N, C-alpha and C. Protein backbone atom coordinates (compact mmCIF):
# COMPACT_ATOMS: atom_id res chain seq x y z
N MET A 1 62.60 119.64 4.55
CA MET A 1 63.50 119.85 4.99
C MET A 1 64.26 118.77 5.45
N PRO A 2 65.61 119.20 5.97
CA PRO A 2 66.78 118.11 5.48
C PRO A 2 66.79 116.89 7.26
N VAL A 3 66.70 115.37 6.65
CA VAL A 3 66.68 114.87 7.44
C VAL A 3 67.90 114.56 8.56
N PRO A 4 68.08 114.58 9.60
CA PRO A 4 69.35 114.77 10.51
C PRO A 4 70.20 113.92 10.32
N THR A 5 71.23 113.23 10.73
CA THR A 5 72.26 112.51 10.65
C THR A 5 71.88 111.72 11.79
N GLN A 6 72.39 111.10 11.97
CA GLN A 6 72.48 109.72 13.02
C GLN A 6 73.83 110.72 14.49
N ALA A 7 75.04 111.12 13.83
CA ALA A 7 75.80 111.97 14.18
C ALA A 7 74.80 112.98 15.25
N LYS A 8 73.94 113.74 14.21
CA LYS A 8 73.90 114.65 14.82
C LYS A 8 71.74 114.41 15.92
N LEU A 9 71.98 113.25 16.15
CA LEU A 9 70.68 113.25 16.48
C LEU A 9 71.96 112.76 17.96
N LEU A 10 72.25 111.79 17.77
CA LEU A 10 73.11 111.46 19.35
C LEU A 10 73.65 113.03 19.54
N ALA A 11 73.83 113.79 18.85
CA ALA A 11 74.72 115.07 19.59
C ALA A 11 73.70 115.33 20.33
N LEU A 12 71.84 115.22 20.11
CA LEU A 12 71.29 116.05 20.51
C LEU A 12 70.42 115.34 21.72
N ILE A 13 70.89 113.69 22.04
CA ILE A 13 69.89 112.81 22.62
C ILE A 13 70.68 112.34 23.51
N LEU A 14 72.30 112.20 23.84
CA LEU A 14 73.07 112.10 24.93
C LEU A 14 72.72 113.64 26.12
N PRO A 15 72.95 114.09 25.92
CA PRO A 15 72.91 115.39 26.86
C PRO A 15 71.79 114.95 27.55
N VAL A 16 70.79 114.99 26.87
CA VAL A 16 69.07 114.51 27.78
C VAL A 16 69.54 113.69 28.28
N LEU A 17 69.88 112.41 28.12
CA LEU A 17 69.96 111.18 28.52
C LEU A 17 71.27 111.28 29.60
N ALA A 18 71.58 112.02 29.63
CA ALA A 18 72.70 112.12 30.94
C ALA A 18 71.71 113.03 31.99
N LEU A 19 71.84 113.51 31.20
CA LEU A 19 70.81 114.87 33.05
C LEU A 19 70.04 114.05 33.42
N SER A 20 69.09 113.35 32.69
CA SER A 20 67.77 112.08 32.87
C SER A 20 68.51 111.19 34.54
N ALA A 21 69.64 110.64 33.80
CA ALA A 21 69.93 109.46 34.78
C ALA A 21 71.14 110.29 36.48
N CYS A 22 71.22 111.70 35.40
CA CYS A 22 71.69 112.38 37.23
C CYS A 22 70.74 112.55 37.98
N ALA A 23 69.41 112.88 37.03
CA ALA A 23 67.77 112.99 38.01
C ALA A 23 67.74 112.19 39.01
N THR A 24 67.83 110.17 38.19
CA THR A 24 67.63 109.49 38.32
C THR A 24 68.33 108.73 39.69
N ALA A 25 69.45 109.16 39.55
CA ALA A 25 70.58 108.60 40.59
C ALA A 25 70.27 109.33 41.58
N THR A 26 70.38 110.60 41.93
CA THR A 26 69.55 111.09 43.06
C THR A 26 68.65 110.91 43.69
N THR A 27 67.71 110.29 42.96
CA THR A 27 66.57 110.18 44.26
C THR A 27 66.55 108.57 44.62
N GLN A 28 67.31 107.42 44.16
CA GLN A 28 67.66 106.24 43.91
C GLN A 28 67.46 105.98 45.38
N THR A 29 67.42 105.23 46.57
CA THR A 29 67.79 105.19 47.81
C THR A 29 68.11 103.60 48.00
N THR A 30 68.86 103.72 49.09
CA THR A 30 69.20 101.81 48.87
C THR A 30 69.35 101.51 50.25
N THR A 31 68.85 100.13 50.57
CA THR A 31 68.46 99.55 51.90
C THR A 31 70.00 98.68 52.66
N ARG A 32 69.22 98.91 54.09
CA ARG A 32 70.41 97.11 54.41
C ARG A 32 70.16 96.55 53.92
N PRO A 33 70.92 95.71 54.82
CA PRO A 33 70.60 94.29 54.87
C PRO A 33 70.20 94.11 56.04
N ALA A 34 69.35 93.35 56.06
CA ALA A 34 68.61 92.59 57.75
C ALA A 34 69.79 92.51 58.93
N SER A 35 71.55 92.31 58.69
CA SER A 35 71.97 91.83 59.70
C SER A 35 72.51 93.40 60.16
N THR A 36 72.38 94.29 59.64
CA THR A 36 72.42 95.92 60.50
C THR A 36 71.30 96.80 60.15
N ALA A 37 69.72 95.88 60.44
CA ALA A 37 68.68 96.70 60.50
C ALA A 37 68.95 97.02 61.72
N ALA A 38 68.26 97.88 62.78
CA ALA A 38 68.34 98.66 63.93
C ALA A 38 67.52 97.80 64.44
N THR A 39 67.43 97.70 65.92
CA THR A 39 66.34 96.90 66.53
C THR A 39 65.75 97.76 67.71
N ARG A 40 64.21 97.12 67.83
CA ARG A 40 63.97 98.42 69.36
C ARG A 40 63.73 97.33 70.41
N THR A 41 64.19 96.70 71.79
CA THR A 41 63.81 96.33 72.74
C THR A 41 63.48 97.10 73.46
N ALA A 42 63.07 97.99 74.13
CA ALA A 42 62.24 98.42 74.89
C ALA A 42 61.49 100.10 74.82
N PRO A 43 60.39 100.08 75.61
CA PRO A 43 58.87 101.10 75.83
C PRO A 43 60.30 102.77 75.90
N GLU A 44 59.79 103.92 74.85
CA GLU A 44 60.47 104.97 75.38
C GLU A 44 59.72 105.68 76.76
N THR A 45 59.56 105.97 77.65
CA THR A 45 59.54 106.86 78.52
C THR A 45 60.29 107.96 78.11
N PRO A 46 59.58 109.49 78.73
CA PRO A 46 60.11 110.45 79.09
C PRO A 46 61.45 110.30 79.98
N GLN A 47 63.01 111.26 80.03
CA GLN A 47 63.55 111.42 81.32
C GLN A 47 63.03 112.67 81.12
N ALA A 48 62.70 112.48 83.22
CA ALA A 48 63.17 113.54 83.99
C ALA A 48 64.12 115.00 83.71
N PRO A 49 63.86 115.94 83.91
CA PRO A 49 64.97 116.79 83.61
C PRO A 49 66.17 117.50 84.09
N GLU A 50 66.31 116.51 85.55
CA GLU A 50 67.08 116.63 86.69
C GLU A 50 68.46 115.13 86.26
N VAL A 51 68.09 114.66 85.41
CA VAL A 51 68.88 113.70 84.93
C VAL A 51 69.02 114.25 83.62
N LEU A 52 68.29 114.74 82.48
CA LEU A 52 69.34 115.26 81.64
C LEU A 52 70.16 116.32 82.24
N GLN A 53 70.18 117.42 83.00
CA GLN A 53 70.74 118.32 83.50
C GLN A 53 71.81 117.93 84.02
N ALA A 54 71.68 117.03 84.49
CA ALA A 54 72.69 116.29 85.23
C ALA A 54 73.58 115.49 84.31
N ALA A 55 73.51 115.36 83.13
CA ALA A 55 74.15 114.51 81.73
C ALA A 55 75.14 115.80 81.16
N ALA A 56 73.95 116.85 81.33
CA ALA A 56 75.38 117.97 80.81
C ALA A 56 76.23 118.11 80.75
N ALA A 57 76.62 118.09 81.98
CA ALA A 57 78.21 118.32 82.17
C ALA A 57 79.20 117.50 81.92
N VAL A 58 78.27 116.64 82.02
CA VAL A 58 79.47 115.32 80.97
C VAL A 58 79.57 115.64 79.44
N THR A 59 77.90 115.50 79.11
CA THR A 59 77.96 115.09 77.40
C THR A 59 78.24 116.81 76.11
N ARG A 60 77.78 118.14 77.00
CA ARG A 60 78.54 119.03 76.46
C ARG A 60 79.60 120.20 76.60
N ALA A 61 79.59 120.28 75.83
CA ALA A 61 80.93 120.97 74.91
C ALA A 61 80.97 122.36 74.53
N PRO A 62 82.16 123.43 74.54
CA PRO A 62 81.43 124.44 74.30
C PRO A 62 82.02 124.53 72.56
N ALA A 63 81.43 125.41 71.49
CA ALA A 63 81.20 124.86 69.98
C ALA A 63 83.05 125.58 69.78
N PRO A 64 84.01 125.04 68.89
CA PRO A 64 85.10 124.88 68.52
C PRO A 64 85.50 126.39 67.77
N ARG A 65 86.59 126.89 67.98
CA ARG A 65 87.09 128.43 67.31
C ARG A 65 86.49 128.37 65.94
N PRO A 66 85.92 129.09 64.84
CA PRO A 66 85.76 129.50 63.75
C PRO A 66 87.33 129.19 63.25
N SER A 67 88.36 129.86 63.65
CA SER A 67 89.44 129.54 63.33
C SER A 67 90.35 128.79 63.20
N ALA A 68 89.52 127.89 64.40
CA ALA A 68 90.22 126.55 64.95
C ALA A 68 89.81 125.01 64.07
N ARG A 69 89.17 125.31 63.16
CA ARG A 69 88.08 124.13 62.51
C ARG A 69 89.46 123.52 61.32
N ALA A 70 90.39 123.40 61.62
CA ALA A 70 91.22 122.51 61.11
C ALA A 70 91.54 121.03 60.67
N THR A 71 91.58 120.28 62.13
CA THR A 71 91.93 119.19 62.43
C THR A 71 90.86 118.23 63.74
N ALA A 72 91.08 117.42 63.26
CA ALA A 72 89.32 116.92 64.43
C ALA A 72 90.45 116.86 66.22
N THR A 73 91.61 116.85 66.20
CA THR A 73 91.73 117.65 67.64
C THR A 73 91.62 119.16 67.73
N GLN A 74 91.66 119.79 66.68
CA GLN A 74 91.31 120.94 66.75
C GLN A 74 88.92 120.81 67.43
N LEU A 75 88.55 120.54 67.05
CA LEU A 75 87.20 120.31 66.60
C LEU A 75 86.97 119.96 67.98
N ASN A 76 87.41 119.34 68.54
CA ASN A 76 87.46 118.43 70.11
C ASN A 76 87.54 119.34 70.73
N THR A 77 86.54 119.78 71.79
CA THR A 77 86.72 120.76 72.92
C THR A 77 86.23 120.39 74.39
N THR A 78 85.71 118.92 74.37
CA THR A 78 86.00 118.10 75.77
C THR A 78 87.02 118.41 76.71
N THR A 79 86.85 118.39 77.69
CA THR A 79 88.39 118.20 78.60
C THR A 79 88.21 116.58 78.79
N ALA A 80 89.56 116.78 79.48
CA ALA A 80 89.92 115.43 79.52
C ALA A 80 88.63 114.96 80.43
N ALA A 81 88.77 115.83 81.39
CA ALA A 81 87.43 115.16 82.92
C ALA A 81 86.27 114.77 82.17
N GLN A 82 85.70 115.42 81.51
CA GLN A 82 84.66 114.84 80.80
C GLN A 82 84.56 114.14 79.54
N ARG A 83 85.78 114.07 78.76
CA ARG A 83 86.34 112.25 78.58
C ARG A 83 86.15 111.03 78.92
N ALA A 84 86.87 110.81 80.59
CA ALA A 84 86.93 110.73 81.22
C ALA A 84 85.27 110.05 81.99
N ALA A 85 84.53 111.06 82.40
CA ALA A 85 82.96 111.19 82.75
C ALA A 85 82.39 109.87 81.47
N ALA A 86 82.68 109.85 80.48
CA ALA A 86 81.87 110.24 79.56
C ALA A 86 82.12 108.62 79.45
N ALA A 87 83.44 107.91 79.82
CA ALA A 87 83.76 106.82 79.29
C ALA A 87 83.88 106.66 80.25
N GLU A 88 83.55 106.42 81.45
CA GLU A 88 83.20 105.34 83.17
C GLU A 88 81.73 104.62 82.38
N LYS A 89 82.22 103.27 82.77
CA LYS A 89 81.06 102.17 82.90
C LYS A 89 80.24 102.38 83.89
N PRO A 90 78.34 102.64 83.20
CA PRO A 90 77.79 102.88 84.32
C PRO A 90 76.73 101.67 85.53
N ALA A 91 76.51 101.45 85.87
CA ALA A 91 75.91 100.86 86.69
C ALA A 91 74.93 99.56 86.46
N ALA A 92 75.28 98.49 86.37
CA ALA A 92 74.56 97.57 85.48
C ALA A 92 72.85 98.15 85.03
N ALA A 93 72.27 97.68 86.13
CA ALA A 93 70.98 97.90 86.01
C ALA A 93 70.34 100.22 85.57
N GLY A 94 69.51 99.75 85.54
CA GLY A 94 68.88 101.60 84.72
C GLY A 94 68.83 101.52 82.88
N GLU A 95 69.32 100.95 82.86
CA GLU A 95 69.48 100.91 81.09
C GLU A 95 68.98 100.16 80.80
N ALA A 96 68.49 100.85 79.66
CA ALA A 96 67.61 99.97 78.44
C ALA A 96 68.45 99.74 77.36
N ARG A 97 68.24 98.35 76.08
CA ARG A 97 69.55 98.48 75.03
C ARG A 97 67.96 99.24 74.27
N LEU A 98 68.92 100.18 73.61
CA LEU A 98 67.46 100.98 71.63
C LEU A 98 68.19 99.50 70.77
N GLY A 99 68.98 99.15 70.54
CA GLY A 99 69.06 98.76 69.12
C GLY A 99 70.72 98.75 68.95
N THR A 100 70.74 98.59 67.92
CA THR A 100 72.21 99.14 66.89
C THR A 100 71.59 99.71 65.73
N THR A 101 72.90 100.60 65.66
CA THR A 101 73.03 101.17 64.36
C THR A 101 74.11 101.27 63.58
N VAL A 102 74.29 101.54 62.34
CA VAL A 102 75.09 101.94 61.71
C VAL A 102 75.35 103.31 62.00
N ALA A 103 77.00 103.26 62.13
CA ALA A 103 77.21 104.77 62.59
C ALA A 103 78.08 105.64 61.20
N SER A 104 77.65 107.14 61.64
CA SER A 104 79.07 107.63 60.80
C SER A 104 79.16 109.42 61.37
N LEU A 105 80.04 109.99 61.06
CA LEU A 105 80.21 110.67 62.04
C LEU A 105 79.58 111.80 61.25
N GLY A 106 78.78 112.91 62.31
CA GLY A 106 77.79 113.10 62.42
C GLY A 106 78.17 115.08 61.83
N ASP A 107 78.00 115.73 62.55
CA ASP A 107 78.34 117.77 61.59
C ASP A 107 79.63 117.43 63.07
N ALA A 108 80.87 117.64 62.43
CA ALA A 108 81.93 117.98 63.40
C ALA A 108 82.27 119.42 63.81
N THR A 109 81.55 120.21 63.60
CA THR A 109 81.89 121.55 64.29
C THR A 109 80.60 121.63 65.21
N GLN A 110 79.59 120.16 65.71
CA GLN A 110 78.58 120.54 66.53
C GLN A 110 79.14 119.63 68.15
N PRO A 111 79.55 120.81 68.69
CA PRO A 111 80.30 120.17 70.12
C PRO A 111 79.48 119.26 71.24
N GLY A 112 81.09 118.32 71.72
CA GLY A 112 80.23 117.56 73.19
C GLY A 112 80.15 115.97 72.89
N PHE A 113 79.13 115.46 73.58
CA PHE A 113 79.19 113.49 72.74
C PHE A 113 77.44 113.24 72.61
N TRP A 114 77.22 113.04 71.83
CA TRP A 114 75.65 112.98 71.03
C TRP A 114 75.81 111.83 70.29
N ILE A 115 74.91 111.18 69.88
CA ILE A 115 73.88 110.40 68.13
C ILE A 115 72.99 111.01 67.73
N LYS A 116 72.86 111.29 67.27
CA LYS A 116 71.01 111.67 66.47
C LYS A 116 71.16 110.59 66.13
N THR A 117 69.71 109.42 66.21
CA THR A 117 69.22 108.16 65.72
C THR A 117 67.76 108.14 65.80
N PRO A 118 67.42 107.10 64.65
CA PRO A 118 66.02 107.04 64.32
C PRO A 118 65.59 106.40 65.37
N LEU A 119 66.63 105.82 66.59
CA LEU A 119 65.70 104.79 67.82
C LEU A 119 65.26 105.67 68.68
N VAL A 120 65.39 107.14 68.97
CA VAL A 120 64.59 107.57 69.59
C VAL A 120 63.70 108.65 68.94
N LYS A 121 62.41 108.98 70.41
CA LYS A 121 61.15 110.03 69.28
C LYS A 121 61.89 110.87 70.37
N THR A 122 62.54 111.17 71.35
CA THR A 122 62.41 112.19 72.83
C THR A 122 64.17 112.37 72.66
N LYS A 123 64.28 113.80 73.28
CA LYS A 123 65.56 113.91 73.83
C LYS A 123 65.77 113.02 74.86
N ALA A 124 67.34 111.70 74.83
CA ALA A 124 67.15 111.93 75.86
C ALA A 124 68.97 111.50 76.78
N VAL A 125 69.57 111.19 77.42
CA VAL A 125 70.78 110.36 77.72
C VAL A 125 70.88 109.30 77.59
N GLY A 126 71.72 108.54 77.16
CA GLY A 126 72.13 107.45 77.24
C GLY A 126 73.83 107.07 76.98
N ARG A 127 73.66 106.40 76.28
CA ARG A 127 75.22 105.50 75.89
C ARG A 127 75.53 104.60 75.02
N ILE A 128 76.30 104.72 74.31
CA ILE A 128 76.70 103.95 72.87
C ILE A 128 77.91 102.99 73.06
N VAL A 129 78.14 102.15 72.10
CA VAL A 129 78.71 100.64 72.96
C VAL A 129 79.73 100.40 71.71
N ASN A 130 80.88 100.29 71.17
CA ASN A 130 81.58 99.58 70.13
C ASN A 130 81.92 98.11 70.62
N PRO A 131 81.15 97.38 69.94
CA PRO A 131 81.04 95.90 70.33
C PRO A 131 81.95 95.12 70.04
N ALA A 132 83.34 95.91 68.95
CA ALA A 132 84.63 95.22 68.74
C ALA A 132 85.27 95.46 69.35
N ASN A 133 85.08 96.46 70.06
CA ASN A 133 86.92 96.72 71.55
C ASN A 133 86.38 96.90 73.14
N GLY A 134 84.77 96.68 72.56
CA GLY A 134 83.89 96.96 74.37
C GLY A 134 84.20 98.38 74.88
N LYS A 135 84.53 99.71 73.73
CA LYS A 135 84.47 101.12 74.87
C LYS A 135 82.98 101.62 74.58
N SER A 136 82.59 102.78 75.40
CA SER A 136 81.74 103.05 75.29
C SER A 136 81.68 104.73 75.53
N ALA A 137 80.71 105.51 75.24
CA ALA A 137 80.89 106.78 75.62
C ALA A 137 79.15 107.46 75.94
N LYS A 138 79.39 107.90 77.35
CA LYS A 138 77.48 108.84 77.95
C LYS A 138 77.83 109.54 77.05
N VAL A 139 76.46 109.36 76.09
CA VAL A 139 75.87 110.60 74.94
C VAL A 139 74.60 111.38 75.38
N ASP A 140 74.20 111.90 75.06
CA ASP A 140 72.88 112.85 74.82
C ASP A 140 71.89 112.13 73.80
N LEU A 141 71.19 111.54 73.41
CA LEU A 141 70.01 110.80 72.10
C LEU A 141 69.36 111.62 72.03
N ILE A 142 69.58 111.39 70.70
CA ILE A 142 68.51 113.16 69.65
C ILE A 142 68.17 112.60 68.74
N PRO A 143 67.04 112.56 68.47
CA PRO A 143 66.68 112.09 67.43
C PRO A 143 66.56 112.86 65.99
N LEU A 144 66.19 111.42 65.00
CA LEU A 144 66.33 111.79 63.97
C LEU A 144 65.60 111.28 63.04
N ASP A 145 65.14 111.75 62.27
CA ASP A 145 63.64 111.20 61.42
C ASP A 145 64.31 110.33 60.39
N GLY A 146 63.45 109.24 60.26
CA GLY A 146 64.00 107.79 59.59
C GLY A 146 63.29 106.65 59.99
N PRO A 147 64.16 105.67 59.38
CA PRO A 147 62.93 104.43 60.23
C PRO A 147 64.61 103.85 61.07
N ALA A 148 63.13 103.50 62.14
CA ALA A 148 64.49 102.90 63.17
C ALA A 148 65.87 101.74 62.16
N SER A 149 65.52 101.18 61.16
CA SER A 149 66.89 100.56 59.93
C SER A 149 67.64 101.30 60.26
N GLY A 150 67.47 102.93 59.81
CA GLY A 150 68.20 103.79 59.49
C GLY A 150 69.31 103.81 60.21
N GLY A 151 70.61 104.48 59.78
CA GLY A 151 71.60 105.19 59.50
C GLY A 151 71.33 106.25 61.44
N SER A 152 72.94 106.65 62.21
CA SER A 152 72.84 107.51 62.85
C SER A 152 73.98 107.89 62.46
N GLN A 153 73.90 109.51 63.07
CA GLN A 153 74.97 110.61 63.72
C GLN A 153 75.95 110.86 64.77
N VAL A 154 76.43 110.53 64.19
CA VAL A 154 78.37 110.52 65.84
C VAL A 154 78.63 111.63 66.14
N SER A 155 78.22 112.23 67.18
CA SER A 155 80.04 113.33 67.47
C SER A 155 81.19 113.23 67.07
N LEU A 156 82.32 113.92 66.78
CA LEU A 156 84.01 113.33 66.90
C LEU A 156 83.88 113.06 68.22
N PRO A 157 84.08 113.90 69.28
CA PRO A 157 84.49 113.40 69.96
C PRO A 157 83.41 112.00 70.20
N ALA A 158 82.46 111.47 70.74
CA ALA A 158 82.27 110.15 71.10
C ALA A 158 82.79 109.71 69.95
N LEU A 159 82.32 109.04 68.99
CA LEU A 159 83.64 108.75 68.22
C LEU A 159 85.13 108.45 67.69
N GLN A 160 86.10 109.78 68.48
CA GLN A 160 87.18 108.93 69.38
C GLN A 160 87.23 107.99 70.44
N LEU A 161 86.52 108.47 71.27
CA LEU A 161 86.41 108.30 72.46
C LEU A 161 85.97 106.60 72.22
N LEU A 162 84.87 105.73 71.23
CA LEU A 162 84.91 104.70 71.04
C LEU A 162 85.77 103.82 70.36
N GLY A 163 87.43 104.53 69.85
CA GLY A 163 88.40 104.08 69.03
C GLY A 163 88.16 104.16 68.40
N ILE A 164 86.60 104.85 67.35
CA ILE A 164 86.90 104.69 65.86
C ILE A 164 87.00 105.30 64.89
N SER A 165 87.76 105.00 64.27
CA SER A 165 88.22 105.67 62.75
C SER A 165 86.92 106.98 62.59
N LEU A 166 87.57 108.12 62.01
CA LEU A 166 86.12 109.02 61.35
C LEU A 166 85.47 108.76 60.49
N THR A 167 86.22 107.80 59.98
CA THR A 167 85.77 107.58 58.17
C THR A 167 85.20 106.42 57.94
N ASP A 168 85.21 105.18 58.96
CA ASP A 168 84.38 103.95 59.13
C ASP A 168 82.97 104.06 59.44
N LEU A 169 81.81 103.20 58.99
CA LEU A 169 80.38 103.16 59.15
C LEU A 169 80.54 101.67 60.03
N PRO A 170 80.46 102.14 61.72
CA PRO A 170 80.92 100.83 62.37
C PRO A 170 78.60 100.54 63.02
N THR A 171 78.63 99.46 63.23
CA THR A 171 77.58 99.11 63.60
C THR A 171 77.75 99.58 65.33
N ILE A 172 77.09 100.62 65.98
CA ILE A 172 77.35 100.17 66.80
C ILE A 172 76.24 100.30 68.26
N GLU A 173 76.07 99.83 69.63
CA GLU A 173 74.81 99.33 70.97
C GLU A 173 74.70 100.57 70.79
N VAL A 174 72.91 100.56 71.35
CA VAL A 174 73.08 102.08 71.73
C VAL A 174 71.86 101.71 72.85
N PHE A 175 72.46 102.11 74.09
CA PHE A 175 71.48 102.45 75.02
C PHE A 175 70.41 103.59 75.68
N ARG A 176 69.63 103.94 76.78
CA ARG A 176 68.76 104.65 76.96
C ARG A 176 69.11 104.34 78.53
N SER A 177 69.67 105.19 79.42
CA SER A 177 69.67 105.67 80.69
C SER A 177 68.80 105.45 81.32
């Protein structure tokens, strides 16, 4: 049996190494520095159904038409009245600060004002704030599996209301009403 040359061995080994590197890269996770870790400061209690229903008029919107899924403007189906109501500053009392989270754009085709975050365990109504400019948005708080220090997904209309670029990864504050 002939002995393989180095070139033949490399030709056999390199593809295997490349595939194993790809498999390793897809299973690795990264951790965020402690400065961006989410913090939780208030216990969670269920919100009354009437509170959730009242907020729905502000936070919910129709889904965009499939043919209109080309631009951010076309994907944002909220009305001017909804945007104004969502941007209103809430009364000082009655809010609990849940913490901070790194936000990214969620599913741009999912309508309305919402945040999917590991800072809540049950669906609720709340508010998110961009500390960089002080703008806020009333949103549906939707549970997201993962550690409290994990990032959150925010709706396109909510990011626009906060004055955040759709490609940024800002740290935002989350409050529960």
